[in-house]
């Protein structure tokens, strides 16, 4: 398993700078004989007590709805929203619709400077769009004409035109938006959605020099198998190309007998084929005997509990199986040593 992580590290960043994101989350029950006792990715994730990982790796962070993180966030409250004195605190003021920027996050609350003073706004309010903007240096290849926006906000009023199929240098990324400025074209390319909000049925934008799968077929004698999701669909397979920067480690929170890597690969596959509205997907599921891949490593999964931010947008998600008839301690030990 250690070799699997090293292989994934080589896909993204050097091992010395590779952060882990360790999160346990609850996901929605699947329509299958092996079930998951969990909630959707978009709701929340909570820390599962693996502080020892953070102590062993200073880059580690435990996700949760109270975790704190600095970043570069753009938010758009397209309706009146509340400004809070502090996260989960009292309302300080009401804010009119406006694009806003934040550099600090506390769970789903974001610290902003506004026309009514500083405070926190939250994406728990359904009238806010939010994306994390990340610096990137990559080449994006597009195979059809795509829409361009002045800001990475999915709203017709910010749409400025289109950009033809081609290969473009990208300097910033906000999940399904990619920023280009080559003198002729300037703006945020919408890579995965029509302007009416429907998801593309094919992947028309792909970051070059990224890998879909591992070249090896086994690590430490453990076979790597593939059962890739065939259909692009919002609830399960995003179709959003990414350049992976991190590895996110989860537990399945599923102790049922038979809830091994193959079973969870089947859960994902069945959801995808049947278009089950689970809003959850991840790249690899592992037990102590086999590794299954469900998503391409250069495609966004819905697994980190942070919506459109870097947990989902820039990490490869790994689920460690906890089935009672397996050996979870062995699987976890192999993964973390």
Protein backbone atom coordinates (compact mmCIF):
# COMPACT_ATOMS: atom_id res chain seq x y z
CA UNK A 1 0.00 0.00 0.00
CA UNK A 2 2.93 2.28 0.69
CA UNK A 3 3.97 1.79 -2.93
CA UNK A 4 0.47 2.80 -4.03
CA UNK A 5 0.78 6.09 -2.17
CA UNK A 6 4.24 6.68 -3.58
CA UNK A 7 2.87 6.08 -7.07
CA UNK A 8 0.07 8.56 -6.41
CA UNK A 9 2.54 11.06 -4.99
CA UNK A 10 4.55 10.85 -8.21
CA UNK A 11 1.40 11.69 -10.15
CA UNK A 12 0.89 14.87 -8.14
CA UNK A 13 3.70 16.43 -6.07
CA UNK A 14 7.01 15.22 -4.63
CA UNK A 15 6.54 13.15 -1.49
CA UNK A 16 8.21 15.78 0.69
CA UNK A 17 5.52 18.36 -0.11
CA UNK A 18 2.47 16.11 -0.44
CA UNK A 19 -0.21 16.88 2.14
CA UNK A 20 -2.63 14.25 3.35
CA UNK A 21 -6.26 15.09 3.94
CA UNK A 22 -7.66 12.47 6.30
CA UNK A 23 -11.43 12.53 6.65
CA UNK A 24 -14.13 10.14 7.67
CA UNK A 25 -17.53 11.03 6.29
CA UNK A 26 -21.01 9.56 6.11
CA UNK A 27 -22.42 8.76 2.71
CA UNK A 28 -25.89 7.96 1.38
CA UNK A 29 -27.15 4.40 1.46
CA UNK A 30 -26.78 2.66 -1.89
CA UNK A 31 -29.36 0.42 -3.54
CA UNK A 32 -27.27 -2.74 -3.26
CA UNK A 33 -26.81 -5.76 -1.03
CA UNK A 34 -23.81 -4.10 0.61
CA UNK A 35 -24.90 -0.75 2.00
CA UNK A 36 -23.14 2.37 3.16
CA UNK A 37 -24.27 4.07 6.36
CA UNK A 38 -23.39 7.52 5.15
CA UNK A 39 -24.44 11.06 4.04
CA UNK A 40 -23.74 12.96 0.84
CA UNK A 41 -20.34 14.54 0.30
CA UNK A 42 -21.77 18.04 0.03
CA UNK A 43 -23.25 18.02 3.53
CA UNK A 44 -20.25 17.70 5.82
CA UNK A 45 -17.28 15.64 6.88
CA UNK A 46 -16.05 15.25 10.39
CA UNK A 47 -12.63 14.51 11.85
CA UNK A 48 -12.19 10.91 12.93
CA UNK A 49 -9.47 11.30 15.51
CA UNK A 50 -6.38 10.48 13.47
CA UNK A 51 -4.31 13.15 15.16
CA UNK A 52 -1.38 10.75 15.07
CA UNK A 53 -1.25 11.26 11.30
CA UNK A 54 -0.94 15.02 11.76
CA UNK A 55 1.80 14.50 14.32
CA UNK A 56 3.68 12.18 11.96
CA UNK A 57 3.14 14.42 8.92
CA UNK A 58 3.10 18.21 9.47
CA UNK A 59 1.25 18.63 6.17
CA UNK A 60 -1.72 16.61 7.40
CA UNK A 61 -5.06 18.21 8.20
CA UNK A 62 -8.28 16.68 9.48
CA UNK A 63 -11.38 17.77 7.60
CA UNK A 64 -14.49 18.75 9.51
CA UNK A 65 -17.27 21.27 9.61
CA UNK A 66 -15.17 23.21 12.15
CA UNK A 67 -11.80 22.91 10.45
CA UNK A 68 -9.89 26.12 9.76
CA UNK A 69 -7.97 26.85 6.60
CA UNK A 70 -6.55 29.80 4.71
CA UNK A 71 -7.12 30.04 0.99
CA UNK A 72 -8.29 32.26 -1.84
CA UNK A 73 -12.07 32.06 -2.05
CA UNK A 74 -14.60 33.82 -4.25
CA UNK A 75 -18.21 33.97 -3.10
CA UNK A 76 -21.31 35.37 -4.71
CA UNK A 77 -24.45 35.90 -2.67
CA UNK A 78 -26.96 36.21 -5.47
CA UNK A 79 -29.67 36.98 -2.93
CA UNK A 80 -29.63 38.80 0.40
CA UNK A 81 -27.60 36.84 2.93
CA UNK A 82 -26.61 37.11 6.58
CA UNK A 83 -23.31 38.42 7.94
CA UNK A 84 -22.41 36.69 11.21
CA UNK A 85 -20.25 38.03 14.03
CA UNK A 86 -18.56 34.64 14.28
CA UNK A 87 -19.12 31.13 12.91
CA UNK A 88 -22.37 29.69 14.26
CA UNK A 89 -22.89 33.01 16.08
CA UNK A 90 -25.42 35.82 15.92
CA UNK A 91 -26.38 37.70 12.77
CA UNK A 92 -24.57 41.03 12.51
CA UNK A 93 -26.17 42.44 9.35
CA UNK A 94 -27.86 41.58 6.08
CA UNK A 95 -25.84 41.79 2.86
CA UNK A 96 -27.13 42.68 -0.58
CA UNK A 97 -26.10 40.57 -3.61
CA UNK A 98 -22.42 41.03 -4.48
CA UNK A 99 -19.23 39.19 -5.39
CA UNK A 100 -17.02 38.85 -2.32
CA UNK A 101 -13.58 37.46 -1.54
CA UNK A 102 -12.28 35.62 1.51
CA UNK A 103 -8.90 34.30 2.61
CA UNK A 104 -10.00 32.41 5.72
CA UNK A 105 -12.43 29.55 6.17
CA UNK A 106 -13.94 27.92 9.26
CA UNK A 107 -15.92 24.89 8.16
CA UNK A 108 -18.56 26.30 5.82
CA UNK A 109 -18.09 29.87 7.08
CA UNK A 110 -15.90 32.40 5.25
CA UNK A 111 -14.39 35.59 6.67
CA UNK A 112 -15.14 38.64 4.50
CA UNK A 113 -14.71 42.41 4.62
CA UNK A 114 -17.98 44.00 3.55
CA UNK A 115 -19.74 47.32 3.23
CA UNK A 116 -21.24 46.57 6.66
CA UNK A 117 -18.03 45.58 8.38
CA UNK A 118 -16.08 42.35 8.73
CA UNK A 119 -17.65 39.05 9.62
CA UNK A 120 -18.56 35.60 8.40
CA UNK A 121 -20.90 34.39 5.68
CA UNK A 122 -21.79 30.77 5.20
CA UNK A 123 -22.57 28.45 2.33
CA UNK A 124 -25.11 26.79 4.59
CA UNK A 125 -27.25 29.56 3.10
CA UNK A 126 -28.44 28.25 -0.25
CA UNK A 127 -28.10 31.66 -1.90
CA UNK A 128 -24.29 31.65 -2.07
CA UNK A 129 -21.97 30.27 -4.75
CA UNK A 130 -18.42 29.62 -3.57
CA UNK A 131 -15.24 28.38 -5.22
CA UNK A 132 -11.63 28.18 -4.10
CA UNK A 133 -9.19 29.75 -6.56
CA UNK A 134 -5.87 27.93 -6.86
CA UNK A 135 -2.69 28.95 -8.65
CA UNK A 136 -1.67 26.45 -11.27
CA UNK A 137 0.70 26.12 -14.22
CA UNK A 138 -0.78 23.71 -16.73
CA UNK A 139 -1.89 23.17 -20.28
CA UNK A 140 -5.60 22.63 -20.89
CA UNK A 141 -6.72 20.98 -24.11
CA UNK A 142 -10.30 21.67 -25.21
CA UNK A 143 -12.09 19.88 -28.03
CA UNK A 144 -15.10 22.15 -28.50
CA UNK A 145 -16.05 25.80 -28.18
CA UNK A 146 -16.56 26.64 -24.50
CA UNK A 147 -18.11 29.56 -22.63
CA UNK A 148 -15.92 32.19 -20.96
CA UNK A 149 -16.78 34.20 -17.82
CA UNK A 150 -15.29 37.35 -16.30
CA UNK A 151 -15.18 35.71 -12.86
CA UNK A 152 -15.47 32.04 -11.84
CA UNK A 153 -19.13 32.40 -10.94
CA UNK A 154 -21.77 30.37 -12.74
CA UNK A 155 -24.23 33.12 -13.64
CA UNK A 156 -25.28 34.42 -17.06
CA UNK A 157 -24.50 38.03 -16.13
CA UNK A 158 -20.78 37.16 -15.92
CA UNK A 159 -20.61 35.31 -19.25
CA UNK A 160 -18.45 37.29 -21.70
CA UNK A 161 -18.17 35.08 -24.79
CA UNK A 162 -16.68 31.85 -26.01
CA UNK A 163 -13.27 30.34 -26.72
CA UNK A 164 -12.60 27.88 -29.58
CA UNK A 165 -11.15 24.41 -29.23
CA UNK A 166 -7.41 24.46 -28.67
CA UNK A 167 -4.63 24.13 -26.12
CA UNK A 168 -4.30 26.94 -23.56
CA UNK A 169 -1.92 27.85 -20.75
CA UNK A 170 -3.82 27.99 -17.47
CA UNK A 171 -2.54 30.05 -14.53
CA UNK A 172 -5.46 29.69 -12.12
CA UNK A 173 -8.15 27.12 -11.52
CA UNK A 174 -11.41 27.10 -9.58
CA UNK A 175 -12.68 23.52 -9.87
CA UNK A 176 -14.68 23.55 -13.13
CA UNK A 177 -13.32 26.95 -14.19
CA UNK A 178 -9.85 27.52 -15.72
CA UNK A 179 -8.29 30.96 -16.20
CA UNK A 180 -6.63 31.87 -19.52
CA UNK A 181 -4.91 35.13 -20.49
CA UNK A 182 -2.91 34.81 -23.68
CA UNK A 183 -3.46 38.26 -25.15
CA UNK A 184 -6.22 37.10 -27.47
CA UNK A 185 -8.43 35.40 -24.92
CA UNK A 186 -8.85 36.43 -21.29
CA UNK A 187 -11.25 35.02 -18.74
CA UNK A 188 -12.49 31.93 -16.97
CA UNK A 189 -13.29 28.93 -19.18
CA UNK A 190 -16.29 26.92 -18.04
CA UNK A 191 -14.96 23.42 -18.68
CA UNK A 192 -17.71 20.99 -17.72
CA UNK A 193 -21.16 22.59 -17.88
CA UNK A 194 -23.47 24.13 -20.43
CA UNK A 195 -24.55 27.66 -19.59
CA UNK A 196 -27.99 26.30 -18.70
CA UNK A 197 -26.43 24.33 -15.83
CA UNK A 198 -26.53 20.85 -17.37
CA UNK A 199 -23.38 18.77 -17.21
CA UNK A 200 -21.54 17.82 -20.41
CA UNK A 201 -22.05 14.21 -21.45
CA UNK A 202 -18.42 14.03 -22.60
CA UNK A 203 -15.16 15.42 -21.28
CA UNK A 204 -14.28 18.32 -23.60
CA UNK A 205 -11.48 19.83 -21.48
CA UNK A 206 -8.49 17.88 -20.15
CA UNK A 207 -5.30 18.97 -18.44
CA UNK A 208 -2.30 17.62 -20.35
CA UNK A 209 0.51 15.61 -18.78
CA UNK A 210 -1.77 14.08 -16.16
CA UNK A 211 -2.34 10.36 -15.67
CA UNK A 212 -5.67 8.57 -15.67
CA UNK A 213 -4.44 5.29 -14.21
CA UNK A 214 -1.37 3.78 -12.57
CA UNK A 215 1.08 2.00 -14.84
CA UNK A 216 1.64 -0.91 -12.45
CA UNK A 217 -0.89 -3.70 -11.93
CA UNK A 218 0.04 -4.51 -8.32
CA UNK A 219 1.83 -3.15 -5.25
CA UNK A 220 3.44 -5.42 -2.65
CA UNK A 221 1.67 -8.33 -4.31
CA UNK A 222 -1.74 -6.66 -3.95
CA UNK A 223 -3.55 -6.46 -7.29
CA UNK A 224 -4.78 -3.16 -8.69
CA UNK A 225 -8.00 -3.57 -10.62
CA UNK A 226 -10.17 -1.09 -12.48
CA UNK A 227 -13.91 -0.63 -12.65
CA UNK A 228 -14.06 2.90 -14.02
CA UNK A 229 -17.36 4.74 -14.00
CA UNK A 230 -18.56 4.92 -17.62
CA UNK A 231 -20.98 7.87 -17.59
CA UNK A 232 -20.36 11.53 -16.80
CA UNK A 233 -23.11 12.48 -14.37
CA UNK A 234 -23.23 15.18 -11.67
CA UNK A 235 -24.19 12.89 -8.77
CA UNK A 236 -21.35 10.39 -9.26
CA UNK A 237 -18.84 11.21 -12.00
CA UNK A 238 -18.11 14.90 -12.45
CA UNK A 239 -16.19 14.81 -15.73
CA UNK A 240 -14.14 17.77 -14.41
CA UNK A 241 -10.46 17.49 -15.30
CA UNK A 242 -7.95 18.21 -12.54
CA UNK A 243 -4.23 18.28 -11.79
CA UNK A 244 -4.03 16.30 -8.52
CA UNK A 245 -2.02 17.92 -5.73
CA UNK A 246 -2.98 15.90 -2.66
CA UNK A 247 -4.18 12.52 -1.46
CA UNK A 248 -7.34 12.34 0.68
CA UNK A 249 -7.71 9.27 2.91
CA UNK A 250 -11.15 8.18 4.12
CA UNK A 251 -12.63 5.26 5.99
CA UNK A 252 -15.75 3.65 4.55
CA UNK A 253 -17.53 3.59 7.94
CA UNK A 254 -19.06 0.34 6.70
CA UNK A 255 -18.40 -2.73 8.86
CA UNK A 256 -20.79 -5.07 7.01
CA UNK A 257 -19.41 -8.42 6.02
CA UNK A 258 -18.53 -8.38 2.34
CA UNK A 259 -18.18 -4.57 2.27
CA UNK A 260 -14.73 -4.86 0.76
CA UNK A 261 -13.03 -2.99 -2.08
CA UNK A 262 -14.87 -4.92 -4.78
CA UNK A 263 -18.23 -4.21 -3.13
CA UNK A 264 -17.58 -0.49 -2.91
CA UNK A 265 -16.38 -0.42 -6.50
CA UNK A 266 -19.68 -2.07 -7.43
CA UNK A 267 -21.63 0.48 -5.36
CA UNK A 268 -20.03 3.32 -7.28
CA UNK A 269 -20.53 1.61 -10.62
CA UNK A 270 -24.21 0.86 -9.99
CA UNK A 271 -24.86 4.42 -8.83
CA UNK A 272 -23.24 5.77 -11.94
CA UNK A 273 -25.04 3.50 -14.40
CA UNK A 274 -28.38 4.04 -12.65
CA UNK A 275 -27.72 7.77 -12.10
CA UNK A 276 -28.42 7.50 -8.39
CA UNK A 277 -28.34 10.95 -6.79
CA UNK A 278 -25.61 10.10 -4.28
CA UNK A 279 -23.25 13.06 -4.87
CA UNK A 280 -20.41 10.87 -3.69
CA UNK A 281 -17.51 9.31 -5.57
CA UNK A 282 -13.86 8.52 -4.98
CA UNK A 283 -10.88 7.25 -6.93
CA UNK A 284 -9.65 4.13 -5.10
CA UNK A 285 -11.07 1.72 -2.57
CA UNK A 286 -8.65 -0.59 -0.79
CA UNK A 287 -8.80 -3.53 1.56
CA UNK A 288 -6.03 -5.85 2.70
CA UNK A 289 -6.31 -8.00 -0.44
CA UNK A 290 -7.08 -5.83 -3.48
CA UNK A 291 -7.23 -2.23 -4.76
CA UNK A 292 -10.02 -1.06 -7.08
CA UNK A 293 -9.96 2.16 -9.10
CA UNK A 294 -13.29 3.83 -9.94
CA UNK A 295 -12.34 7.31 -11.18
CA UNK A 296 -9.50 8.53 -13.37
CA UNK A 297 -6.80 10.14 -11.23
CA UNK A 298 -7.05 13.36 -13.25
CA UNK A 299 -10.78 13.77 -12.68
CA UNK A 300 -12.55 15.47 -9.76
CA UNK A 301 -14.37 13.20 -7.33
CA UNK A 302 -16.98 14.14 -4.72
CA UNK A 303 -15.39 12.72 -1.58
CA UNK A 304 -13.74 15.36 0.63
CA UNK A 305 -16.78 17.07 2.08
CA UNK A 306 -15.74 20.57 0.95
CA UNK A 307 -17.95 21.04 -2.10
CA UNK A 308 -16.09 22.80 -4.90
CA UNK A 309 -12.92 23.51 -2.92
CA UNK A 310 -9.48 21.93 -3.05
CA UNK A 311 -10.38 18.77 -1.14
CA UNK A 312 -12.55 17.61 -4.01
CA UNK A 313 -10.98 19.72 -6.74
CA UNK A 314 -7.32 18.76 -6.27
CA UNK A 315 -7.09 15.46 -4.41
CA UNK A 316 -7.15 11.76 -5.18
CA UNK A 317 -9.64 10.09 -2.84
CA UNK A 318 -8.83 6.73 -1.22
CA UNK A 319 -11.33 4.76 0.85
CA UNK A 320 -10.04 2.20 3.37
CA UNK A 321 -12.56 -0.61 3.77
CA UNK A 322 -13.70 -1.57 7.28
CA UNK A 323 -15.59 -4.79 6.51
CA UNK A 324 -15.84 -7.18 9.46
CA UNK A 325 -14.55 -10.11 7.42
CA UNK A 326 -11.45 -8.19 6.32
CA UNK A 327 -8.39 -6.93 8.13
CA UNK A 328 -8.80 -3.17 8.51
CA UNK A 329 -5.81 -2.75 10.78
CA UNK A 330 -3.57 -4.35 8.19
CA UNK A 331 -5.02 -2.25 5.35
CA UNK A 332 -4.62 0.96 7.36
CA UNK A 333 -1.15 0.09 8.59
CA UNK A 334 0.04 -0.61 5.07
CA UNK A 335 -1.42 2.71 3.93
CA UNK A 336 0.08 4.88 6.64
CA UNK A 337 3.55 3.48 7.27
